Protein backbone atom coordinates (compact mmCIF):
# COMPACT_ATOMS: atom_id res chain seq x y z
CA MET A 1 38.15 100.03 93.06
CA PRO A 2 37.90 99.46 89.14
CA CYS A 3 39.19 102.30 86.83
CA ALA A 4 36.97 104.42 84.89
CA PRO A 5 36.88 103.46 81.22
CA PRO A 6 38.97 105.92 79.12
CA GLN A 7 36.96 108.99 77.63
CA SER A 8 36.84 108.99 73.57
CA ARG A 9 39.12 111.97 72.52
CA ARG A 10 39.04 113.45 69.03
CA ARG A 11 42.21 113.02 67.18
CA TYR A 12 42.09 116.41 65.54
CA ARG A 13 40.66 119.49 67.00
CA LEU A 14 38.06 121.71 65.30
CA TRP A 15 39.13 124.66 63.18
CA THR A 16 38.48 127.95 64.42
CA GLU A 17 36.72 130.88 62.62
CA ALA A 18 40.05 132.76 62.62
CA GLU A 19 41.80 129.87 61.15
CA VAL A 20 39.10 129.20 58.40
CA LEU A 21 39.34 133.12 57.59
CA ILE A 22 43.06 132.95 57.18
CA LEU A 23 42.73 129.95 54.91
CA LYS A 24 40.16 131.54 52.80
CA ASN A 25 42.20 134.72 52.23
CA PHE A 26 45.21 132.53 51.50
CA ILE A 27 43.08 130.95 48.66
CA ASN A 28 41.93 134.25 47.29
CA CYS A 29 45.35 135.66 47.18
CA HIS A 30 46.59 132.74 44.86
CA ASN A 31 45.94 131.08 41.63
CA GLY A 32 42.61 129.44 42.82
CA GLN A 33 43.78 125.82 41.59
CA ASN A 34 43.59 122.57 43.75
CA GLY A 35 47.51 122.35 43.45
CA LYS A 36 49.84 123.41 45.97
CA ALA A 37 51.19 126.90 46.64
CA ASP A 38 54.65 127.94 46.44
CA ARG A 39 56.76 126.70 49.40
CA ALA A 40 57.38 130.31 50.65
CA SER A 41 53.92 131.15 50.73
CA PHE A 42 52.93 128.02 52.56
CA ASP A 43 55.54 128.75 55.30
CA ASN A 44 54.06 132.21 55.65
CA LEU A 45 50.65 130.44 56.03
CA GLN A 46 51.82 127.99 58.76
CA GLU A 47 53.63 130.97 60.63
CA ALA A 48 50.13 133.11 60.67
CA LEU A 49 48.12 129.75 61.89
CA ARG A 50 50.60 129.27 64.58
CA ASN A 51 50.08 132.88 65.85
CA CYS A 52 46.40 132.49 66.20
CA ILE A 53 45.98 129.08 67.90
CA PRO A 54 43.81 128.81 71.19
CA GLU A 55 45.65 128.21 74.44
CA GLY A 56 46.30 124.64 75.55
CA THR A 57 46.48 123.55 71.93
CA SER A 58 49.37 122.34 69.57
CA PRO A 59 49.82 123.94 66.06
CA ARG A 60 48.57 122.31 62.84
CA ASN A 61 50.76 120.06 61.01
CA GLU A 62 51.27 120.21 57.15
CA CYS A 63 48.84 117.35 56.44
CA GLU A 64 45.97 118.91 58.31
CA ILE A 65 46.48 122.19 56.50
CA GLN A 66 46.74 120.47 52.99
CA CYS A 67 43.48 118.63 53.61
CA LYS A 68 41.74 121.64 54.82
CA LEU A 69 42.88 123.71 51.82
CA ILE A 70 41.59 121.17 49.36
CA ARG A 71 37.99 120.82 50.96
CA LEU A 72 37.78 124.80 51.02
CA ARG A 73 38.64 124.91 47.26
CA GLN A 74 36.22 122.42 46.45
CA LYS A 75 33.51 123.86 48.43
CA ASN A 76 34.12 127.60 47.15
CA PRO A 77 36.65 127.62 44.47
CA SER A 78 38.47 131.13 43.44
CA HIS A 79 37.81 132.74 39.95
CA GLY A 80 41.60 133.80 39.87
CA PRO A 81 44.12 136.40 41.20
CA GLY A 82 42.87 139.83 42.17
CA ARG A 83 39.12 138.78 41.71
CA ASN A 84 38.09 139.71 45.30
CA THR A 85 40.39 142.89 45.46
CA ARG A 86 39.96 144.55 42.16
CA LEU A 87 37.10 145.01 39.64
CA SER A 88 37.23 145.45 35.95
CA SER A 89 36.53 148.89 34.60
CA LYS A 90 32.97 147.82 33.15
CA GLU A 91 32.10 146.43 36.65
CA ARG A 92 33.07 149.39 38.27
CA ILE A 93 30.90 151.55 36.01
CA THR A 94 28.06 148.95 36.72
CA GLU A 95 28.40 149.06 40.33
CA THR A 96 28.41 152.97 40.28
CA ARG A 97 25.02 152.89 38.19
CA LYS A 98 23.36 150.50 40.63
CA ARG A 99 23.94 152.95 43.53
CA SER A 100 21.61 155.99 44.28
CA PRO A 101 22.92 159.29 43.11
CA SER A 102 23.87 160.31 46.73
CA GLU A 103 26.03 157.40 47.08
CA ARG A 104 27.97 157.54 43.82
CA PRO A 105 31.37 159.13 44.12
CA LYS A 106 31.56 162.78 42.89
CA MET A 107 34.55 162.09 40.40
CA SER A 108 33.41 160.19 37.25
CA LEU A 109 35.32 156.80 37.15
CA LYS A 110 35.70 156.90 33.31
CA HIS A 111 37.89 159.99 33.74
CA ARG A 112 39.81 158.77 36.77
CA ASN A 113 43.68 158.46 36.46
CA PRO A 114 44.59 154.71 36.43
CA THR A 115 45.72 153.55 39.92
CA PRO A 116 48.91 151.83 40.29
CA LYS A 117 48.78 148.11 40.05
CA VAL A 118 48.76 146.71 43.60
CA GLU A 119 50.67 143.39 43.94
CA PRO A 120 48.58 140.70 45.64
CA LYS A 121 49.39 140.00 49.38
CA LYS A 122 50.72 136.44 50.35
CA PHE A 123 48.20 136.37 53.16
CA ILE A 124 46.02 138.42 55.20
CA ASN A 125 46.37 138.53 58.79
CA ALA A 126 43.48 137.37 61.04
CA ASP A 127 43.51 141.05 62.53
CA LEU A 128 42.22 142.64 59.32
CA PRO A 129 39.62 145.28 60.46
CA LEU A 130 36.13 144.40 59.54
CA PRO A 131 33.44 147.33 58.18
CA ALA A 132 32.31 149.75 60.93
CA SER A 133 28.52 148.46 60.13
CA LYS A 134 29.38 144.92 61.27
CA ARG A 135 31.79 145.71 64.17
CA SER A 136 30.72 145.61 67.90
CA LYS A 137 32.18 145.25 71.13
CA LYS A 138 31.27 143.09 74.09
CA ASN A 139 33.54 142.90 77.17
CA GLY A 140 36.25 144.37 75.04
CA GLN A 141 36.21 141.36 72.55
CA LEU A 142 34.57 140.79 69.23
CA SER A 143 31.25 139.13 69.21
CA THR A 144 30.56 135.89 67.48
CA GLY A 145 28.72 137.45 64.62
CA GLU A 146 31.85 139.13 63.42
CA ALA A 147 33.70 135.95 63.00
CA THR A 148 30.84 133.95 61.52
CA GLY A 149 28.31 134.44 58.37
CA ASP A 150 29.55 135.07 54.90
CA LEU A 151 33.41 135.48 55.33
CA GLU A 152 33.98 136.13 51.64
CA GLU A 153 31.55 139.03 51.71
CA GLU A 154 33.06 140.50 54.75
CA THR A 155 36.45 140.46 53.31
CA THR A 156 35.32 141.81 49.85
CA SER A 157 33.57 144.78 51.33
CA THR A 158 36.60 145.60 53.57
CA VAL A 159 39.00 145.58 50.60
CA SER A 160 36.51 147.49 48.59
CA GLU A 161 36.46 150.40 51.28
CA HIS A 162 40.33 150.50 51.28
CA CYS A 163 40.31 150.52 47.50
CA GLN A 164 37.97 153.62 47.45
CA THR A 165 39.96 155.41 50.05
CA TYR A 166 43.22 154.83 48.00
CA ASP A 167 41.45 156.40 44.85
CA ARG A 168 40.36 159.42 46.77
CA GLU A 169 43.92 159.77 48.10
CA ILE A 170 45.50 159.43 44.56
CA ALA A 171 42.86 162.27 43.31
CA SER A 172 43.93 164.45 46.29
CA ASN A 173 47.71 163.97 45.50
CA VAL A 174 47.36 165.19 41.86
CA ALA A 175 45.68 168.42 42.96
CA VAL A 176 48.27 168.87 45.82
CA ASN A 177 51.42 168.59 43.23
CA ALA A 178 49.85 171.79 41.71
CA SER A 179 50.09 173.63 44.97
CA ASP A 180 52.98 175.50 46.58
CA SER A 181 55.85 173.90 48.57
CA SER A 182 54.46 174.92 51.98
CA GLY A 183 51.92 172.24 51.50
CA SER A 184 48.96 174.88 51.28
CA ARG A 185 45.98 172.54 50.10
CA ARG A 186 43.47 174.95 51.07
CA SER A 187 42.65 176.22 47.38
CA PHE A 188 41.92 172.62 46.26
CA ALA A 189 40.63 170.88 49.49
CA ASN A 190 37.92 173.49 49.81
CA SER A 191 36.63 173.35 46.40
CA GLU A 192 33.60 171.32 45.83
CA THR A 193 34.42 170.51 42.16
CA ILE A 194 37.82 169.26 40.58
CA ASN A 195 38.44 169.63 36.84
CA THR A 196 39.16 166.08 36.16
CA ASN A 197 40.33 166.80 32.59
CA MET A 198 43.32 168.86 33.75
CA ARG A 199 46.45 166.84 33.49
CA ILE A 200 50.10 168.06 34.79
CA GLU A 201 52.48 167.72 31.85
CA PRO A 202 56.02 166.45 32.40
CA TRP A 203 57.41 169.89 31.93
CA GLU A 204 55.12 171.37 34.34
CA GLN A 205 56.25 168.87 36.82
CA LYS A 206 59.90 169.90 36.33
CA LEU A 207 58.88 173.29 36.73
CA ILE A 208 57.11 172.91 40.17
CA GLU A 209 60.04 170.94 41.43
CA ASN A 210 62.48 173.50 40.35
CA PHE A 211 60.43 176.25 41.73
CA ARG A 212 60.04 174.50 45.15
CA MET A 213 63.78 173.92 45.25
CA ILE A 214 64.35 177.59 44.81
CA LEU A 215 62.01 178.61 47.63
CA ARG A 216 63.56 175.88 49.88
CA ASN A 217 67.15 176.83 49.56
CA ARG A 218 67.10 180.54 49.13
CA MET A 219 65.25 181.52 52.64
CA TYR A 220 66.43 184.08 55.22
CA LYS A 221 68.58 182.56 57.91
CA LEU A 222 68.36 183.08 61.46
CA PRO A 223 69.41 186.33 63.12
CA LEU A 224 73.11 186.86 64.06
CA MET A 225 74.21 186.43 67.81
CA HIS A 226 74.67 189.60 69.52
CA SER A 227 78.13 188.60 70.97
CA SER A 228 79.30 187.76 67.47
CA VAL A 229 78.33 191.28 66.20
CA GLN A 230 80.06 192.97 69.25
CA THR A 231 83.38 190.86 68.42
CA ARG A 232 83.18 191.96 64.73
CA MET A 233 82.74 195.64 65.53
CA ASP A 234 85.43 195.68 68.23
CA GLU A 235 88.01 194.27 65.61
CA THR A 236 86.92 196.70 63.08
CA MET A 237 87.38 199.51 65.39
CA GLU A 238 91.02 198.24 66.32
CA ARG A 239 91.80 198.22 62.56
CA VAL A 240 90.73 201.88 62.31
CA GLU A 241 92.98 202.94 65.41
CA CYS A 242 95.89 201.23 63.71
CA GLY A 243 95.21 203.02 60.57
CA ILE A 244 94.77 206.53 62.01
CA GLN A 245 98.01 206.10 64.05
CA CYS A 246 99.72 205.22 60.70
CA PHE A 247 98.16 208.22 58.98
CA THR A 248 99.37 210.57 61.50
CA GLU A 249 103.01 209.27 61.38
CA ALA A 250 103.09 209.66 57.62
CA HIS A 251 101.58 213.10 57.36
CA ALA A 252 102.51 215.89 59.69
CA VAL A 253 99.21 217.01 61.23
CA VAL A 254 99.31 220.26 63.52
CA GLY A 255 95.62 220.58 63.74
CA LEU A 256 92.23 220.53 62.03
CA SER A 257 90.94 222.99 59.56
CA THR A 258 87.35 223.77 58.16
CA SER A 259 88.76 225.93 55.13
CA GLN A 260 88.90 223.03 52.38
CA LEU A 261 86.29 220.62 53.41
CA THR A 262 84.68 218.71 50.59
CA GLU A 263 80.97 217.74 50.38
CA ASP A 264 81.79 214.18 51.77
CA ALA A 265 83.53 215.59 54.78
CA LEU A 266 80.70 218.01 55.46
CA GLU A 267 78.32 215.03 55.23
CA LEU A 268 80.32 213.03 57.87
CA CYS A 269 80.87 216.37 60.04
CA ARG A 270 77.08 216.98 60.04
CA MET A 271 76.44 213.60 61.97
CA MET A 272 78.73 214.96 64.74
CA VAL A 273 77.15 218.44 65.52
CA PRO A 274 73.42 219.46 65.56
CA ALA A 275 73.85 222.40 62.98
CA ALA A 276 73.34 220.87 59.58
CA GLN A 277 74.83 223.73 57.40
CA GLY A 278 76.15 227.09 57.23
CA ARG A 279 78.30 229.43 59.28
CA GLU A 280 76.62 227.66 62.50
CA LEU A 281 78.12 224.28 61.36
CA MET A 282 81.44 225.67 60.95
CA GLN A 283 81.57 227.20 64.20
CA ASN A 284 80.41 224.00 66.00
CA LEU A 285 83.26 222.08 64.18
CA ARG A 286 85.91 224.72 65.34
CA THR A 287 84.51 224.33 69.00
CA LEU A 288 84.58 220.59 68.74
CA TYR A 289 88.30 220.72 67.56
CA GLY A 290 89.42 222.64 70.66
CA HIS A 291 87.40 220.63 73.09
CA PRO A 292 89.76 219.04 75.78
CA ALA A 293 87.95 215.68 75.58
CA VAL A 294 88.42 215.39 71.81
CA PRO A 295 92.00 215.52 70.66
CA LEU A 296 93.22 215.00 67.10
CA LYS A 297 93.17 211.23 66.82
CA ARG A 298 90.00 210.92 68.68
CA PHE A 299 88.35 213.27 66.20
CA LEU A 300 89.72 211.20 63.40
CA LEU A 301 88.44 208.03 65.00
CA VAL A 302 84.93 209.54 65.07
CA VAL A 303 85.08 210.57 61.46
CA ALA A 304 86.24 207.12 60.31
CA SER A 305 83.66 205.50 62.49
CA ASN A 306 80.82 207.52 60.94
CA ALA A 307 82.14 206.81 57.42
CA ILE A 308 82.22 203.08 57.88
CA TYR A 309 78.81 202.77 59.51
CA THR A 310 77.21 205.20 57.01
CA TRP A 311 78.65 204.04 53.68
CA ALA A 312 79.10 200.25 54.41
CA PHE A 313 76.37 199.68 56.81
CA ASN A 314 73.39 201.98 56.50
CA GLU A 315 73.66 202.68 52.78
CA PHE A 316 74.37 198.85 52.09
CA GLU A 317 72.43 197.79 49.01
CA GLU A 318 70.54 194.89 50.01
CA THR A 319 67.69 194.71 47.72
CA PRO A 320 67.72 194.98 43.98
CA GLN A 321 66.15 197.90 42.33
CA ASP A 322 63.94 195.94 40.03
CA GLN A 323 62.96 192.75 42.00
CA PHE A 324 61.22 191.17 39.08
CA PRO A 325 61.63 191.52 35.22
CA PRO A 326 59.15 193.75 33.62
CA ASN A 327 57.87 190.65 31.40
CA LEU A 328 57.07 188.62 34.60
CA ILE A 329 54.96 191.17 36.30
CA ASP A 330 51.84 189.65 35.15
CA VAL A 331 52.70 186.32 36.33
CA VAL A 332 53.80 187.66 39.73
CA ASN A 333 50.48 189.57 40.20
CA LEU A 334 48.64 186.23 39.32
CA PHE A 335 50.56 184.41 42.25
CA ARG A 336 49.91 187.21 44.54
CA GLN A 337 46.06 187.00 43.74
CA TYR A 338 45.90 183.37 44.59
CA ASN A 339 48.56 183.16 47.22
CA PRO A 340 50.32 186.10 48.46
CA GLU A 341 52.72 183.78 50.65
CA VAL A 342 54.36 182.44 47.40
CA VAL A 343 55.17 186.04 46.09
CA HIS A 344 56.73 186.95 49.41
CA ARG A 345 59.08 183.76 49.38
CA LEU A 346 59.78 184.53 45.82
CA SER A 347 60.91 187.89 46.65
CA VAL A 348 63.10 186.72 49.51
CA ALA A 349 64.70 184.18 46.86
CA SER A 350 65.24 187.04 44.52
CA ASN A 351 66.92 189.18 47.34
CA ILE A 352 69.17 186.23 48.20
CA LYS A 353 70.23 185.56 44.56
CA PHE A 354 70.89 189.39 44.31
CA LEU A 355 73.28 189.26 47.41
CA GLU A 356 75.03 186.11 46.27
CA ASP A 357 75.53 187.06 42.51
CA SER A 358 75.90 190.70 42.50
CA VAL A 359 76.83 192.30 45.89
CA GLN A 360 79.14 189.74 47.37
CA PRO A 361 81.86 189.64 44.52
CA ARG A 362 82.18 193.53 44.57
CA LEU A 363 83.02 193.71 48.46
CA PRO A 364 86.67 194.20 47.91
CA GLU A 365 85.99 196.69 45.28
CA LEU A 366 83.79 198.67 47.51
CA ALA A 367 86.20 198.51 50.39
CA GLU A 368 89.05 199.93 48.28
CA LYS A 369 86.97 202.66 46.99
CA TYR A 370 85.65 203.75 50.47
CA GLN A 371 89.19 203.71 51.79
CA ARG A 372 90.43 205.99 49.03
CA GLN A 373 87.30 208.26 49.76
CA LEU A 374 88.23 208.56 53.53
CA PHE A 375 91.85 209.26 52.80
CA ASP A 376 90.78 212.19 50.68
CA ILE A 377 88.45 213.52 53.37
CA PHE A 378 91.41 213.26 56.10
CA LEU A 379 93.74 215.07 53.79
CA THR A 380 91.18 217.90 53.71
CA LEU A 381 90.75 218.01 57.47
CA ARG A 382 94.37 218.26 58.56
CA LYS A 383 96.35 221.37 59.12
CA SER A 384 100.07 220.73 58.41
CA ARG A 385 103.17 222.63 58.44
CA ALA A 386 104.45 223.92 55.08
CA ASN A 387 107.50 221.75 54.74
CA GLU A 388 105.83 218.62 56.47
CA ILE A 389 109.19 217.28 58.06
CA LEU A 390 108.83 214.29 60.38
CA ARG A 391 111.39 213.60 62.90
CA ILE A 392 112.06 210.02 62.52
CA GLY A 393 115.19 209.97 64.39
CA GLU A 394 118.99 210.94 64.03
CA ASN A 395 118.97 210.02 60.30
CA ASP A 396 117.13 212.68 58.50
CA ASP A 397 117.88 211.56 55.04
CA PHE A 398 115.11 212.28 52.70
CA ASN A 399 115.09 208.92 50.97
CA TYR A 400 114.72 207.36 54.48
CA ARG A 401 111.74 209.58 55.28
CA HIS A 402 110.11 208.87 51.88
CA GLU A 403 110.35 205.08 52.56
CA TYR A 404 109.00 205.35 55.73
CA ARG A 405 106.19 207.41 54.91
CA GLN A 406 105.32 205.19 52.09
CA ALA A 407 105.37 202.18 54.53
CA ARG A 408 103.05 203.83 56.95
CA LEU A 409 100.61 204.87 54.15
CA LEU A 410 100.51 201.24 52.89
CA LYS A 411 99.80 200.01 56.39
CA TRP A 412 96.84 202.54 56.68
CA GLN A 413 95.46 201.32 53.43
CA ASP A 414 95.76 197.83 54.43
CA CYS A 415 94.15 198.40 57.78
CA LEU A 416 91.20 200.60 56.56
CA GLU A 417 90.40 198.28 53.67
CA LYS A 418 90.09 195.37 55.95
CA ALA A 419 87.98 197.59 58.26
CA PHE A 420 85.53 198.31 55.62
CA CYS A 421 85.66 194.71 54.14
CA ASP A 422 84.70 193.33 57.58
CA THR A 423 81.78 195.64 57.89
CA LEU A 424 80.55 194.99 54.34
CA THR A 425 80.77 191.18 55.05
CA LEU A 426 79.07 191.53 58.39
CA ARG A 427 76.42 193.60 56.80
CA LEU A 428 76.04 190.96 54.05
CA ASN A 429 75.30 188.27 56.59
CA MET A 430 72.74 190.52 58.32
CA ALA A 431 71.11 191.16 55.00
CA LYS A 432 70.62 187.32 54.55
CA SER A 433 68.98 187.09 57.88
CA SER A 434 65.37 187.17 59.02
CA ARG A 435 65.66 190.68 60.68
CA GLN A 436 66.77 194.21 59.43
CA TYR A 437 69.78 196.07 61.05
CA GLU A 438 70.55 199.84 61.34
CA ALA A 439 73.32 201.83 62.90
CA LYS A 440 72.28 204.66 65.11
CA ILE A 441 74.91 207.60 65.25
CA TYR A 442 74.46 210.26 68.14
CA LYS A 443 75.19 213.98 67.67
CA GLN A 444 76.58 216.43 70.17
CA GLY A 445 74.19 217.56 72.80
CA ASP A 446 72.09 214.39 72.77
CA LYS A 447 70.90 213.10 76.05
CA PHE A 448 72.36 209.84 77.70
CA ASP A 449 70.08 206.83 77.29
CA GLY A 450 71.46 203.68 79.09
CA ARG A 451 69.52 201.56 76.79
CA TRP A 452 71.34 202.55 73.82
CA MET A 453 74.57 203.96 74.84
CA GLU A 454 77.41 203.04 77.13
CA ALA A 455 79.86 205.88 78.40
CA VAL A 456 83.54 205.54 77.87
CA GLY A 457 85.35 207.08 80.95
CA SER A 458 85.61 206.85 84.87
CA TRP A 459 82.27 208.55 85.24
CA HIS A 460 80.28 205.80 83.11
CA LYS A 461 78.83 204.34 86.38
CA ALA A 462 77.24 207.37 87.34
CA ALA A 463 75.95 208.27 84.03
CA ASN A 464 72.31 209.23 83.76
CA GLY A 465 69.62 211.08 81.67
CA SER A 466 71.20 214.54 82.83
CA TYR A 467 74.52 213.87 80.89
CA HIS A 468 75.08 214.95 77.30
CA VAL A 469 77.01 213.35 74.47
CA ILE A 470 80.20 215.22 73.39
CA VAL A 471 80.97 212.68 70.59
CA CYS A 472 80.03 209.14 69.45
CA LEU A 473 83.01 206.97 69.07
CA ARG A 474 81.02 203.98 67.71
CA PRO A 475 77.46 203.89 66.81
CA ALA A 476 74.66 201.76 68.34
CA VAL A 477 73.34 198.58 66.14
CA CYS A 478 69.65 197.61 66.49
CA SER A 479 67.53 195.10 64.60
CA TYR A 480 63.74 195.02 64.05
CA GLU A 481 61.36 192.73 62.04
CA ARG A 482 61.30 192.96 58.31
CA GLY A 483 58.50 195.00 56.85
CA SER A 484 58.07 197.31 59.81
CA VAL A 485 59.21 200.70 60.52
CA LEU A 486 62.02 201.55 62.76
CA SER A 487 60.44 203.34 65.57
CA GLU A 488 60.32 202.97 69.30
CA LEU A 489 56.53 203.12 69.29
CA ASP A 490 56.37 199.81 67.49
CA CYS A 491 54.51 197.12 69.55
CA GLU A 492 57.83 195.15 69.74
CA GLY A 493 60.30 197.99 69.12
CA PRO A 494 63.87 197.64 67.87
CA VAL A 495 66.22 195.23 69.65
CA VAL A 496 69.57 196.84 70.82
CA VAL A 497 72.31 194.47 69.40
CA VAL A 498 75.36 196.40 70.29
CA LYS A 499 75.31 199.77 72.48
CA ALA A 500 76.96 202.99 71.23
CA GLN A 501 80.16 204.30 72.93
CA VAL A 502 79.90 207.84 73.57
CA MET A 503 81.99 210.64 75.50
CA LEU A 504 79.85 212.37 78.01
CA GLU A 505 80.15 216.08 78.99
CA ALA A 506 81.10 215.14 82.48
CA SER A 507 83.65 212.57 81.73
CA GLU A 508 87.25 212.94 82.85
CA VAL A 509 89.67 213.71 80.08
CA SER A 510 92.47 210.85 80.36
CA SER A 511 94.16 208.62 78.22
CA ARG A 512 92.70 205.67 80.08
CA ASP A 513 89.05 206.47 78.71
CA VAL A 514 89.74 204.92 75.53
CA SER A 515 92.89 203.18 74.01
CA GLU A 516 96.02 205.06 74.49
CA LYS A 517 97.22 204.02 70.94
CA VAL A 518 94.48 205.96 69.43
CA LEU A 519 93.27 208.59 71.83
CA ALA A 520 96.68 209.86 73.10
CA SER A 521 98.10 212.76 70.93
CA SER A 522 101.42 212.05 69.16
CA PRO A 523 104.14 214.52 69.25
CA ILE A 524 104.02 217.19 66.60
CA VAL A 525 106.87 218.77 65.09
């Protein structure tokens, strides 16, 4: 059977629409001459053509691409670089005048800030999106009408749309640079008209950058962990216990007296008993002195605890008296009128700066001052013998007793200064956090509240609301949102960070209730 004659086959396959589009864009992105482009651009063109070849066909060789480029240049030569992607200023104004008033951009082009020069692309991918007016879908693929027709007009209109979008973004960014650091664009984005004659000067740009840096770096930190606060307070009370032991060893204390109380001592004693002043206050103090559950060292511990958490905690100065200088009040009021959030963040930055520059360097000085003040109060509370002789051992030499007392007093000073300094440092960290803190001290006769208190003693498991407080060994610490009022009627209410340690009326009087080192009475001579 004779063989069929071989069918005639084309030497080269036809060029697809996608390949022609890539070649025309390649011509538009270069100098428009008939000569060859540089080798790097030509390699990119070959790579782009290789990615869009139909299945079952081989890629184009260099000779085919060169011939096709020459024919396309002769048929539709380009006018030079950037012609299809950017118009001159005169052509922009002409194009604007040709449009109807509704189609014209709201911003006058002659006042527009010059856009940055865009480098021409080496080639445009075949996947370049076409205008929405000429885009359609059929069975998930582009229709033939999108790939045929006037390709230059489609590419020019697409690039023109991108340029208009870019110009609008530039104008928007100029307005945003004058807004606050939180990115709030509502005052400019919602305005229908923009003053195009306004221009940000270099010094204004620097001012905005520094202003944002201040607001970003000086902000409230996260609240402290409850366990961390509990640990610091326990360590503080251990130092106070050690200091009281040294004080009783250095001074022969027989009992307590109300005859020589100073005003500072009376203020601390008023926190322990319900009566605020007068004869009733003195009577309640004498009754508390003789209570079997409140020996001498325990009473001194309560007084020291009240002093620490009143002077170094509740009376801690965390905001300056004059938050803003008087000559800047008008500027602050102007900020408050347009953006109250900026004024709030500025006040936060002012508070943080005050804590870091003014309060923190003075903490050791305050700790030393509070230690001396508490020492004077202890001297007015004590009742001692006339000769104040301490039994140190068999050797009763005066010089030995003097050196021993001096060493004990130095130990007292060191322990109490560290206790005050630790509390001040803790309070400083709380002042830099996003919540406010307060110490709550309970008086004699207050009812037991399991949410705020924990009883010290063997009856603490059975403690309920029917029990009453004798003394508060350590106050409770709570936190609440800044700007709100500390009240249990608030929506959220204060958060209990550390519970108060209290002695209850029904508790056993035993040295095991609290540390023996502090609560057990020392021998008195």
